[in-house]
Amino acid sequence: MIQILHNPRCGKSRSCLAFLNETDKKYEIINYLENPLTIEEIKVLLKKLNFKPIDLVRQKEIVWIENFKNKNLTDNEIIVALATHPILIERPIVIDCDKAVIARELDKLEGFL
């Protein structure tokens, strides 16, 4: 089943969810802010996205700017930051089995599905 890492306050995330509603695909919504991903789940997600940890970070978030910007962090330190501060995770993310995509643009999502 398809999963969407969703933030209901994010317009891009809501648009992605609306797009999924128009398909015949069954999906599960994961509100990752209320139920944060574990370090292991983030590592698995990174593999599915084929991303380095820094690629998953919303670098304009205040939490990042105030606590992590301009620091020389290891991949593991970035993953811990993502697990500790889930607001830093790019969104929305659509996961289908062993692959995933950041679906900020609906054409990317359409191609993915």
PDB file of N, CA and C in Angstrom:
ATOM      1  N   MET A   1       0.840  -1.184   0.000  1.00  0.00           N
ATOM      2  CA  MET A   1       0.000   0.000   0.000  1.00  0.00           C
ATOM      3  C   MET A   1       0.888   1.251   0.000  1.00  0.00           C
ATOM      4  N   ILE A   2       0.463   2.244  -0.720  1.00  0.00           N
ATOM      5  CA  ILE A   2       1.164   3.512  -0.785  1.00  0.00           C
ATOM      6  C   ILE A   2       1.009   4.230   0.552  1.00  0.00           C
ATOM      7  N   GLN A   3       2.063   4.919   0.947  1.00  0.00           N
ATOM      8  CA  GLN A   3       2.033   5.730   2.157  1.00  0.00           C
ATOM      9  C   GLN A   3       2.398   7.158   1.782  1.00  0.00           C
ATOM     10  N   ILE A   4       1.820   8.113   2.487  1.00  0.00           N
ATOM     11  CA  ILE A   4       2.195   9.515   2.307  1.00  0.00           C
ATOM     12  C   ILE A   4       2.588  10.088   3.656  1.00  0.00           C
ATOM     13  N   LEU A   5       3.807  10.625   3.719  1.00  0.00           N
ATOM     14  CA  LEU A   5       4.232  11.356   4.897  1.00  0.00           C
ATOM     15  C   LEU A   5       3.655  12.749   4.729  1.00  0.00           C
ATOM     16  N   HIS A   6       2.702  13.081   5.565  1.00  0.00           N
ATOM     17  CA  HIS A   6       1.834  14.233   5.350  1.00  0.00           C
ATOM     18  C   HIS A   6       1.882  15.212   6.506  1.00  0.00           C
ATOM     19  N   ASN A   7       1.901  16.493   6.157  1.00  0.00           N
ATOM     20  CA  ASN A   7       1.746  17.566   7.125  1.00  0.00           C
ATOM     21  C   ASN A   7       0.499  18.343   6.716  1.00  0.00           C
ATOM     22  N   PRO A   8      -0.589  18.231   7.458  1.00  0.00           N
ATOM     23  CA  PRO A   8      -1.845  18.859   7.059  1.00  0.00           C
ATOM     24  C   PRO A   8      -1.779  20.387   6.960  1.00  0.00           C
ATOM     25  N   ARG A   9      -0.765  21.012   7.536  1.00  0.00           N
ATOM     26  CA  ARG A   9      -0.631  22.472   7.467  1.00  0.00           C
ATOM     27  C   ARG A   9       0.132  22.919   6.223  1.00  0.00           C
ATOM     28  N   CYS A  10       0.660  21.989   5.450  1.00  0.00           N
ATOM     29  CA  CYS A  10       1.473  22.304   4.269  1.00  0.00           C
ATOM     30  C   CYS A  10       0.615  22.231   3.012  1.00  0.00           C
ATOM     31  N   GLY A  11       0.592  23.308   2.241  1.00  0.00           N
ATOM     32  CA  GLY A  11      -0.198  23.352   1.011  1.00  0.00           C
ATOM     33  C   GLY A  11       0.230  22.303   0.001  1.00  0.00           C
ATOM     34  N   LYS A  12       1.533  22.095  -0.156  1.00  0.00           N
ATOM     35  CA  LYS A  12       2.030  21.089  -1.105  1.00  0.00           C
ATOM     36  C   LYS A  12       1.593  19.691  -0.667  1.00  0.00           C
ATOM     37  N   SER A  13       1.611  19.463   0.618  1.00  0.00           N
ATOM     38  CA  SER A  13       1.200  18.172   1.152  1.00  0.00           C
ATOM     39  C   SER A  13      -0.298  17.950   0.935  1.00  0.00           C
ATOM     40  N   ARG A  14      -1.091  18.987   1.156  1.00  0.00           N
ATOM     41  CA  ARG A  14      -2.534  18.879   0.922  1.00  0.00           C
ATOM     42  C   ARG A  14      -2.832  18.653  -0.561  1.00  0.00           C
ATOM     43  N   SER A  15      -2.094  19.319  -1.442  1.00  0.00           N
ATOM     44  CA  SER A  15      -2.279  19.119  -2.884  1.00  0.00           C
ATOM     45  C   SER A  15      -1.943  17.688  -3.287  1.00  0.00           C
ATOM     46  N   CYS A  16      -0.886  17.158  -2.724  1.00  0.00           N
ATOM     47  CA  CYS A  16      -0.491  15.778  -2.991  1.00  0.00           C
ATOM     48  C   CYS A  16      -1.588  14.816  -2.550  1.00  0.00           C
ATOM     49  N   LEU A  17      -2.131  15.047  -1.372  1.00  0.00           N
ATOM     50  CA  LEU A  17      -3.196  14.199  -0.844  1.00  0.00           C
ATOM     51  C   LEU A  17      -4.436  14.289  -1.734  1.00  0.00           C
ATOM     52  N   ALA A  18      -4.770  15.482  -2.185  1.00  0.00           N
ATOM     53  CA  ALA A  18      -5.919  15.657  -3.078  1.00  0.00           C
ATOM     54  C   ALA A  18      -5.694  14.897  -4.383  1.00  0.00           C
ATOM     55  N   PHE A  19      -4.472  14.932  -4.897  1.00  0.00           N
ATOM     56  CA  PHE A  19      -4.146  14.191  -6.111  1.00  0.00           C
ATOM     57  C   PHE A  19      -4.334  12.699  -5.882  1.00  0.00           C
ATOM     58  N   LEU A  20      -3.841  12.193  -4.761  1.00  0.00           N
ATOM     59  CA  LEU A  20      -4.000  10.770  -4.448  1.00  0.00           C
ATOM     60  C   LEU A  20      -5.470  10.394  -4.336  1.00  0.00           C
ATOM     61  N   ASN A  21      -6.285  11.298  -3.815  1.00  0.00           N
ATOM     62  CA  ASN A  21      -7.719  11.034  -3.689  1.00  0.00           C
ATOM     63  C   ASN A  21      -8.387  10.863  -5.046  1.00  0.00           C
ATOM     64  N   GLU A  22      -7.815  11.457  -6.073  1.00  0.00           N
ATOM     65  CA  GLU A  22      -8.387  11.364  -7.419  1.00  0.00           C
ATOM     66  C   GLU A  22      -7.976  10.080  -8.140  1.00  0.00           C
ATOM     67  N   THR A  23      -7.054   9.337  -7.569  1.00  0.00           N
ATOM     68  CA  THR A  23      -6.621   8.082  -8.175  1.00  0.00           C
ATOM     69  C   THR A  23      -7.396   6.930  -7.541  1.00  0.00           C
ATOM     70  N   ASP A  24      -7.230   5.750  -8.099  1.00  0.00           N
ATOM     71  CA  ASP A  24      -7.865   4.574  -7.511  1.00  0.00           C
ATOM     72  C   ASP A  24      -6.914   3.841  -6.563  1.00  0.00           C
ATOM     73  N   LYS A  25      -5.796   4.498  -6.242  1.00  0.00           N
ATOM     74  CA  LYS A  25      -4.792   3.882  -5.372  1.00  0.00           C
ATOM     75  C   LYS A  25      -5.227   3.979  -3.915  1.00  0.00           C
ATOM     76  N   LYS A  26      -4.992   2.909  -3.191  1.00  0.00           N
ATOM     77  CA  LYS A  26      -5.222   2.924  -1.751  1.00  0.00           C
ATOM     78  C   LYS A  26      -3.944   3.435  -1.093  1.00  0.00           C
ATOM     79  N   TYR A  27      -4.118   4.226  -0.064  1.00  0.00           N
ATOM     80  CA  TYR A  27      -2.953   4.793   0.601  1.00  0.00           C
ATOM     81  C   TYR A  27      -3.209   4.967   2.088  1.00  0.00           C
ATOM     82  N   GLU A  28      -2.116   5.118   2.790  1.00  0.00           N
ATOM     83  CA  GLU A  28      -2.148   5.349   4.235  1.00  0.00           C
ATOM     84  C   GLU A  28      -1.486   6.703   4.497  1.00  0.00           C
ATOM     85  N   ILE A  29      -2.122   7.527   5.303  1.00  0.00           N
ATOM     86  CA  ILE A  29      -1.560   8.821   5.677  1.00  0.00           C
ATOM     87  C   ILE A  29      -0.748   8.657   6.953  1.00  0.00           C
ATOM     88  N   ILE A  30       0.473   9.142   6.913  1.00  0.00           N
ATOM     89  CA  ILE A  30       1.320   9.138   8.103  1.00  0.00           C
ATOM     90  C   ILE A  30       1.588  10.594   8.469  1.00  0.00           C
ATOM     91  N   ASN A  31       1.030  11.039   9.573  1.00  0.00           N
ATOM     92  CA  ASN A  31       1.300  12.386  10.056  1.00  0.00           C
ATOM     93  C   ASN A  31       2.596  12.302  10.856  1.00  0.00           C
ATOM     94  N   TYR A  32       3.690  12.544  10.154  1.00  0.00           N
ATOM     95  CA  TYR A  32       5.006  12.331  10.744  1.00  0.00           C
ATOM     96  C   TYR A  32       5.361  13.361  11.817  1.00  0.00           C
ATOM     97  N   LEU A  33       4.587  14.437  11.922  1.00  0.00           N
ATOM     98  CA  LEU A  33       4.840  15.393  12.999  1.00  0.00           C
ATOM     99  C   LEU A  33       4.259  14.882  14.316  1.00  0.00           C
ATOM    100  N   GLU A  34       3.118  14.210  14.238  1.00  0.00           N
ATOM    101  CA  GLU A  34       2.506  13.633  15.439  1.00  0.00           C
ATOM    102  C   GLU A  34       3.119  12.287  15.794  1.00  0.00           C
ATOM    103  N   ASN A  35       3.562  11.551  14.781  1.00  0.00           N
ATOM    104  CA  ASN A  35       4.181  10.232  14.977  1.00  0.00           C
ATOM    105  C   ASN A  35       5.535  10.237  14.272  1.00  0.00           C
ATOM    106  N   PRO A  36       6.552  10.827  14.903  1.00  0.00           N
ATOM    107  CA  PRO A  36       7.852  10.978  14.247  1.00  0.00           C
ATOM    108  C   PRO A  36       8.481   9.649  13.840  1.00  0.00           C
ATOM    109  N   LEU A  37       9.209   9.715  12.745  1.00  0.00           N
ATOM    110  CA  LEU A  37       9.937   8.541  12.271  1.00  0.00           C
ATOM    111  C   LEU A  37      11.107   8.261  13.208  1.00  0.00           C
ATOM    112  N   THR A  38      11.428   6.995  13.346  1.00  0.00           N
ATOM    113  CA  THR A  38      12.603   6.607  14.134  1.00  0.00           C
ATOM    114  C   THR A  38      13.851   6.796  13.273  1.00  0.00           C
ATOM    115  N   ILE A  39      14.984   6.709  13.908  1.00  0.00           N
ATOM    116  CA  ILE A  39      16.252   6.800  13.174  1.00  0.00           C
ATOM    117  C   ILE A  39      16.315   5.704  12.107  1.00  0.00           C
ATOM    118  N   GLU A  40      15.910   4.494  12.462  1.00  0.00           N
ATOM    119  CA  GLU A  40      15.923   3.390  11.488  1.00  0.00           C
ATOM    120  C   GLU A  40      14.968   3.651  10.335  1.00  0.00           C
ATOM    121  N   GLU A  41      13.781   4.159  10.634  1.00  0.00           N
ATOM    122  CA  GLU A  41      12.810   4.466   9.575  1.00  0.00           C
ATOM    123  C   GLU A  41      13.337   5.544   8.633  1.00  0.00           C
ATOM    124  N   ILE A  42      14.044   6.515   9.176  1.00  0.00           N
ATOM    125  CA  ILE A  42      14.638   7.561   8.337  1.00  0.00           C
ATOM    126  C   ILE A  42      15.711   6.968   7.440  1.00  0.00           C
ATOM    127  N   LYS A  43      16.525   6.076   7.975  1.00  0.00           N
ATOM    128  CA  LYS A  43      17.567   5.430   7.165  1.00  0.00           C
ATOM    129  C   LYS A  43      16.954   4.632   6.014  1.00  0.00           C
ATOM    130  N   VAL A  44      15.879   3.906   6.297  1.00  0.00           N
ATOM    131  CA  VAL A  44      15.181   3.146   5.249  1.00  0.00           C
ATOM    132  C   VAL A  44      14.595   4.101   4.207  1.00  0.00           C
ATOM    133  N   LEU A  45      13.993   5.180   4.673  1.00  0.00           N
ATOM    134  CA  LEU A  45      13.419   6.174   3.764  1.00  0.00           C
ATOM    135  C   LEU A  45      14.487   6.775   2.869  1.00  0.00           C
ATOM    136  N   LEU A  46      15.638   7.090   3.418  1.00  0.00           N
ATOM    137  CA  LEU A  46      16.729   7.647   2.623  1.00  0.00           C
ATOM    138  C   LEU A  46      17.146   6.695   1.506  1.00  0.00           C
ATOM    139  N   LYS A  47      17.175   5.406   1.806  1.00  0.00           N
ATOM    140  CA  LYS A  47      17.510   4.411   0.776  1.00  0.00           C
ATOM    141  C   LYS A  47      16.450   4.386  -0.317  1.00  0.00           C
ATOM    142  N   LYS A  48      15.184   4.454   0.081  1.00  0.00           N
ATOM    143  CA  LYS A  48      14.100   4.435  -0.899  1.00  0.00           C
ATOM    144  C   LYS A  48      14.126   5.682  -1.786  1.00  0.00           C
ATOM    145  N   LEU A  49      14.521   6.806  -1.214  1.00  0.00           N
ATOM    146  CA  LEU A  49      14.627   8.051  -1.971  1.00  0.00           C
ATOM    147  C   LEU A  49      15.931   8.144  -2.761  1.00  0.00           C
ATOM    148  N   ASN A  50      16.913   7.334  -2.360  1.00  0.00           N
ATOM    149  CA  ASN A  50      18.273   7.419  -2.898  1.00  0.00           C
ATOM    150  C   ASN A  50      18.854   8.812  -2.608  1.00  0.00           C
ATOM    151  N   PHE A  51      18.688   9.245  -1.354  1.00  0.00           N
ATOM    152  CA  PHE A  51      19.128  10.558  -0.890  1.00  0.00           C
ATOM    153  C   PHE A  51      20.228  10.416   0.146  1.00  0.00           C
ATOM    154  N   LYS A  52      21.052  11.455   0.234  1.00  0.00           N
ATOM    155  CA  LYS A  52      21.922  11.634   1.387  1.00  0.00           C
ATOM    156  C   LYS A  52      21.070  12.339   2.445  1.00  0.00           C
ATOM    157  N   PRO A  53      21.401  12.194   3.714  1.00  0.00           N
ATOM    158  CA  PRO A  53      20.573  12.809   4.753  1.00  0.00           C
ATOM    159  C   PRO A  53      20.338  14.308   4.555  1.00  0.00           C
ATOM    160  N   ILE A  54      21.329  15.053   4.140  1.00  0.00           N
ATOM    161  CA  ILE A  54      21.173  16.499   3.973  1.00  0.00           C
ATOM    162  C   ILE A  54      20.122  16.826   2.905  1.00  0.00           C
ATOM    163  N   ASP A  55      19.918  15.918   1.940  1.00  0.00           N
ATOM    164  CA  ASP A  55      18.938  16.141   0.870  1.00  0.00           C
ATOM    165  C   ASP A  55      17.494  16.095   1.390  1.00  0.00           C
ATOM    166  N   LEU A  56      17.304  15.529   2.549  1.00  0.00           N
ATOM    167  CA  LEU A  56      15.966  15.385   3.128  1.00  0.00           C
ATOM    168  C   LEU A  56      15.612  16.557   4.059  1.00  0.00           C
ATOM    169  N   VAL A  57      16.585  17.415   4.314  1.00  0.00           N
ATOM    170  CA  VAL A  57      16.413  18.500   5.284  1.00  0.00           C
ATOM    171  C   VAL A  57      15.783  19.730   4.638  1.00  0.00           C
ATOM    172  N   ARG A  58      14.790  20.278   5.321  1.00  0.00           N
ATOM    173  CA  ARG A  58      14.213  21.584   4.962  1.00  0.00           C
ATOM    174  C   ARG A  58      15.123  22.638   5.597  1.00  0.00           C
ATOM    175  N   GLN A  59      16.082  23.116   4.811  1.00  0.00           N
ATOM    176  CA  GLN A  59      17.145  23.958   5.351  1.00  0.00           C
ATOM    177  C   GLN A  59      16.717  25.397   5.642  1.00  0.00           C
ATOM    178  N   LYS A  60      15.485  25.770   5.286  1.00  0.00           N
ATOM    179  CA  LYS A  60      15.001  27.116   5.591  1.00  0.00           C
ATOM    180  C   LYS A  60      14.166  27.149   6.875  1.00  0.00           C
ATOM    181  N   GLU A  61      13.974  25.972   7.478  1.00  0.00           N
ATOM    182  CA  GLU A  61      13.239  25.914   8.749  1.00  0.00           C
ATOM    183  C   GLU A  61      14.057  26.595   9.847  1.00  0.00           C
ATOM    184  N   ILE A  62      13.364  27.310  10.712  1.00  0.00           N
ATOM    185  CA  ILE A  62      14.027  28.039  11.802  1.00  0.00           C
ATOM    186  C   ILE A  62      14.841  27.096  12.682  1.00  0.00           C
ATOM    187  N   VAL A  63      14.304  25.912  12.945  1.00  0.00           N
ATOM    188  CA  VAL A  63      15.027  24.931  13.783  1.00  0.00           C
ATOM    189  C   VAL A  63      16.390  24.618  13.176  1.00  0.00           C
ATOM    190  N   TRP A  64      16.431  24.466  11.851  1.00  0.00           N
ATOM    191  CA  TRP A  64      17.705  24.167  11.180  1.00  0.00           C
ATOM    192  C   TRP A  64      18.642  25.370  11.274  1.00  0.00           C
ATOM    193  N   ILE A  65      18.118  26.529  10.948  1.00  0.00           N
ATOM    194  CA  ILE A  65      18.944  27.742  10.920  1.00  0.00           C
ATOM    195  C   ILE A  65      19.530  28.033  12.304  1.00  0.00           C
ATOM    196  N   GLU A  66      18.713  27.912  13.331  1.00  0.00           N
ATOM    197  CA  GLU A  66      19.163  28.254  14.682  1.00  0.00           C
ATOM    198  C   GLU A  66      20.069  27.206  15.315  1.00  0.00           C
ATOM    199  N   ASN A  67      19.911  25.943  14.905  1.00  0.00           N
ATOM    200  CA  ASN A  67      20.638  24.881  15.607  1.00  0.00           C
ATOM    201  C   ASN A  67      21.699  24.146  14.788  1.00  0.00           C
ATOM    202  N   PHE A  68      21.560  24.150  13.469  1.00  0.00           N
ATOM    203  CA  PHE A  68      22.416  23.259  12.688  1.00  0.00           C
ATOM    204  C   PHE A  68      23.138  23.922  11.512  1.00  0.00           C
ATOM    205  N   LYS A  69      22.616  25.028  11.016  1.00  0.00           N
ATOM    206  CA  LYS A  69      23.205  25.669   9.839  1.00  0.00           C
ATOM    207  C   LYS A  69      24.669  26.019  10.099  1.00  0.00           C
ATOM    208  N   ASN A  70      25.487  25.822   9.083  1.00  0.00           N
ATOM    209  CA  ASN A  70      26.924  26.132   9.120  1.00  0.00           C
ATOM    210  C   ASN A  70      27.712  25.256  10.087  1.00  0.00           C
ATOM    211  N   LYS A  71      27.107  24.166  10.540  1.00  0.00           N
ATOM    212  CA  LYS A  71      27.850  23.199  11.348  1.00  0.00           C
ATOM    213  C   LYS A  71      28.249  22.046  10.441  1.00  0.00           C
ATOM    214  N   ASN A  72      29.377  21.474  10.695  1.00  0.00           N
ATOM    215  CA  ASN A  72      29.866  20.348   9.909  1.00  0.00           C
ATOM    216  C   ASN A  72      29.334  19.055  10.531  1.00  0.00           C
ATOM    217  N   LEU A  73      28.126  18.666  10.123  1.00  0.00           N
ATOM    218  CA  LEU A  73      27.459  17.501  10.712  1.00  0.00           C
ATOM    219  C   LEU A  73      27.721  16.246   9.894  1.00  0.00           C
ATOM    220  N   THR A  74      27.842  15.129  10.597  1.00  0.00           N
ATOM    221  CA  THR A  74      27.949  13.842   9.911  1.00  0.00           C
ATOM    222  C   THR A  74      26.557  13.427   9.441  1.00  0.00           C
ATOM    223  N   ASP A  75      26.511  12.441   8.559  1.00  0.00           N
ATOM    224  CA  ASP A  75      25.216  11.922   8.116  1.00  0.00           C
ATOM    225  C   ASP A  75      24.386  11.445   9.305  1.00  0.00           C
ATOM    226  N   ASN A  76      25.031  10.755  10.243  1.00  0.00           N
ATOM    227  CA  ASN A  76      24.293  10.255  11.414  1.00  0.00           C
ATOM    228  C   ASN A  76      23.758  11.390  12.269  1.00  0.00           C
ATOM    229  N   GLU A  77      24.513  12.462  12.415  1.00  0.00           N
ATOM    230  CA  GLU A  77      24.038  13.605  13.190  1.00  0.00           C
ATOM    231  C   GLU A  77      22.835  14.262  12.511  1.00  0.00           C
ATOM    232  N   ILE A  78      22.849  14.309  11.186  1.00  0.00           N
ATOM    233  CA  ILE A  78      21.712  14.867  10.450  1.00  0.00           C
ATOM    234  C   ILE A  78      20.486  13.978  10.635  1.00  0.00           C
ATOM    235  N   ILE A  79      20.686  12.678  10.578  1.00  0.00           N
ATOM    236  CA  ILE A  79      19.570  11.739  10.774  1.00  0.00           C
ATOM    237  C   ILE A  79      18.985  11.900  12.178  1.00  0.00           C
ATOM    238  N   VAL A  80      19.817  12.050  13.174  1.00  0.00           N
ATOM    239  CA  VAL A  80      19.336  12.278  14.545  1.00  0.00           C
ATOM    240  C   VAL A  80      18.556  13.590  14.615  1.00  0.00           C
ATOM    241  N   ALA A  81      19.041  14.620  13.939  1.00  0.00           N
ATOM    242  CA  ALA A  81      18.322  15.901  13.917  1.00  0.00           C
ATOM    243  C   ALA A  81      16.944  15.734  13.280  1.00  0.00           C
ATOM    244  N   LEU A  82      16.865  14.961  12.198  1.00  0.00           N
ATOM    245  CA  LEU A  82      15.581  14.712  11.537  1.00  0.00           C
ATOM    246  C   LEU A  82      14.627  13.942  12.444  1.00  0.00           C
ATOM    247  N   ALA A  83      15.155  12.984  13.174  1.00  0.00           N
ATOM    248  CA  ALA A  83      14.317  12.197  14.087  1.00  0.00           C
ATOM    249  C   ALA A  83      13.861  13.041  15.280  1.00  0.00           C
ATOM    250  N   THR A  84      14.730  13.923  15.745  1.00  0.00           N
ATOM    251  CA  THR A  84      14.428  14.765  16.897  1.00  0.00           C
ATOM    252  C   THR A  84      13.500  15.923  16.533  1.00  0.00           C
ATOM    253  N   HIS A  85      13.666  16.440  15.321  1.00  0.00           N
ATOM    254  CA  HIS A  85      12.891  17.590  14.845  1.00  0.00           C
ATOM    255  C   HIS A  85      12.231  17.227  13.512  1.00  0.00           C
ATOM    256  N   PRO A  86      11.144  16.467  13.528  1.00  0.00           N
ATOM    257  CA  PRO A  86      10.544  15.988  12.275  1.00  0.00           C
ATOM    258  C   PRO A  86      10.083  17.112  11.342  1.00  0.00           C
ATOM    259  N   ILE A  87       9.924  18.327  11.859  1.00  0.00           N
ATOM    260  CA  ILE A  87       9.548  19.459  11.000  1.00  0.00           C
ATOM    261  C   ILE A  87      10.623  19.701   9.933  1.00  0.00           C
ATOM    262  N   LEU A  88      11.827  19.196  10.170  1.00  0.00           N
ATOM    263  CA  LEU A  88      12.928  19.376   9.226  1.00  0.00           C
ATOM    264  C   LEU A  88      12.821  18.473   7.998  1.00  0.00           C
ATOM    265  N   ILE A  89      11.953  17.482   8.032  1.00  0.00           N
ATOM    266  CA  ILE A  89      11.852  16.528   6.922  1.00  0.00           C
ATOM    267  C   ILE A  89      11.056  17.141   5.777  1.00  0.00           C
ATOM    268  N   GLU A  90      11.647  17.083   4.575  1.00  0.00           N
ATOM    269  CA  GLU A  90      10.950  17.546   3.372  1.00  0.00           C
ATOM    270  C   GLU A  90       9.614  16.834   3.248  1.00  0.00           C
ATOM    271  N   ARG A  91       8.662  17.505   2.624  1.00  0.00           N
ATOM    272  CA  ARG A  91       7.333  16.931   2.480  1.00  0.00           C
ATOM    273  C   ARG A  91       6.685  17.425   1.211  1.00  0.00           C
ATOM    274  N   PRO A  92       5.685  16.752   0.781  1.00  0.00           N
ATOM    275  CA  PRO A  92       5.219  15.423   1.183  1.00  0.00           C
ATOM    276  C   PRO A  92       6.096  14.349   0.551  1.00  0.00           C
ATOM    277  N   ILE A  93       6.134  13.213   1.174  1.00  0.00           N
ATOM    278  CA  ILE A  93       6.873  12.068   0.634  1.00  0.00           C
ATOM    279  C   ILE A  93       5.876  10.944   0.404  1.00  0.00           C
ATOM    280  N   VAL A  94       5.900  10.418  -0.807  1.00  0.00           N
ATOM    281  CA  VAL A  94       5.042   9.286  -1.148  1.00  0.00           C
ATOM    282  C   VAL A  94       5.945   8.063  -1.271  1.00  0.00           C
ATOM    283  N   ILE A  95       5.537   6.998  -0.597  1.00  0.00           N
ATOM    284  CA  ILE A  95       6.320   5.763  -0.548  1.00  0.00           C
ATOM    285  C   ILE A  95       5.496   4.644  -1.162  1.00  0.00           C
ATOM    286  N   ASP A  96       6.138   3.882  -2.034  1.00  0.00           N
ATOM    287  CA  ASP A  96       5.490   2.718  -2.639  1.00  0.00           C
ATOM    288  C   ASP A  96       6.512   1.587  -2.641  1.00  0.00           C
ATOM    289  N   CYS A  97       6.336   0.658  -1.738  1.00  0.00           N
ATOM    290  CA  CYS A  97       7.232  -0.495  -1.580  1.00  0.00           C
ATOM    291  C   CYS A  97       8.664  -0.033  -1.328  1.00  0.00           C
ATOM    292  N   ASP A  98       9.565  -0.283  -2.296  1.00  0.00           N
ATOM    293  CA  ASP A  98      10.980   0.002  -2.081  1.00  0.00           C
ATOM    294  C   ASP A  98      11.435   1.301  -2.729  1.00  0.00           C
ATOM    295  N   LYS A  99      10.488   2.164  -3.093  1.00  0.00           N
ATOM    296  CA  LYS A  99      10.859   3.445  -3.688  1.00  0.00           C
ATOM    297  C   LYS A  99      10.021   4.554  -3.062  1.00  0.00           C
ATOM    298  N   ALA A 100      10.517   5.772  -3.195  1.00  0.00           N
ATOM    299  CA  ALA A 100       9.815   6.925  -2.627  1.00  0.00           C
ATOM    300  C   ALA A 100      10.170   8.161  -3.444  1.00  0.00           C
ATOM    301  N   VAL A 101       9.329   9.181  -3.298  1.00  0.00           N
ATOM    302  CA  VAL A 101       9.556  10.442  -4.007  1.00  0.00           C
ATOM    303  C   VAL A 101       9.050  11.587  -3.140  1.00  0.00           C
ATOM    304  N   ILE A 102       9.777  12.700  -3.192  1.00  0.00           N
ATOM    305  CA  ILE A 102       9.262  13.930  -2.599  1.00  0.00           C
ATOM    306  C   ILE A 102       8.339  14.521  -3.649  1.00  0.00           C
ATOM    307  N   ALA A 103       7.081  14.627  -3.306  1.00  0.00           N
ATOM    308  CA  ALA A 103       6.038  14.938  -4.285  1.00  0.00           C
ATOM    309  C   ALA A 103       5.559  16.382  -4.171  1.00  0.00           C
ATOM    310  N   ARG A 104       6.483  17.315  -4.149  1.00  0.00           N
ATOM    311  CA  ARG A 104       6.108  18.733  -4.088  1.00  0.00           C
ATOM    312  C   ARG A 104       5.473  19.179  -5.404  1.00  0.00           C
ATOM    313  N   GLU A 105       5.928  18.593  -6.505  1.00  0.00           N
ATOM    314  CA  GLU A 105       5.328  18.874  -7.813  1.00  0.00           C
ATOM    315  C   GLU A 105       4.477  17.677  -8.205  1.00  0.00           C
ATOM    316  N   LEU A 106       3.250  17.923  -8.601  1.00  0.00           N
ATOM    317  CA  LEU A 106       2.323  16.831  -8.901  1.00  0.00           C
ATOM    318  C   LEU A 106       2.750  16.021 -10.116  1.00  0.00           C
ATOM    319  N   ASP A 107       3.478  16.633 -11.063  1.00  0.00           N
ATOM    320  CA  ASP A 107       3.943  15.856 -12.210  1.00  0.00           C
ATOM    321  C   ASP A 107       4.958  14.805 -11.787  1.00  0.00           C
ATOM    322  N   LYS A 108       5.742  15.101 -10.752  1.00  0.00           N
ATOM    323  CA  LYS A 108       6.676  14.108 -10.206  1.00  0.00           C
ATOM    324  C   LYS A 108       5.909  12.936  -9.612  1.00  0.00           C
ATOM    325  N   LEU A 109       4.840  13.249  -8.886  1.00  0.00           N
ATOM    326  CA  LEU A 109       4.008  12.213  -8.277  1.00  0.00           C
ATOM    327  C   LEU A 109       3.325  11.370  -9.347  1.00  0.00           C
ATOM    328  N   GLU A 110       2.805  12.037 -10.361  1.00  0.00           N
ATOM    329  CA  GLU A 110       2.129  11.328 -11.438  1.00  0.00           C
ATOM    330  C   GLU A 110       3.076  10.348 -12.126  1.00  0.00           C
ATOM    331  N   GLY A 111       4.301  10.792 -12.393  1.00  0.00           N
ATOM    332  CA  GLY A 111       5.307   9.919 -12.993  1.00  0.00           C
ATOM    333  C   GLY A 111       5.700   8.769 -12.078  1.00  0.00           C
ATOM    334  N   PHE A 112       5.702   9.036 -10.792  1.00  0.00           N
ATOM    335  CA  PHE A 112       6.066   8.028  -9.796  1.00  0.00           C
ATOM    336  C   PHE A 112       5.015   6.930  -9.711  1.00  0.00           C
ATOM    337  N   LEU A 113       3.734   7.342  -9.754  1.00  0.00           N
ATOM    338  CA  LEU A 113       2.646   6.367  -9.619  1.00  0.00           C
ATOM    339  C   LEU A 113       2.472   5.589 -10.903  1.00  0.00           C
TER     340      LEU A 113
END
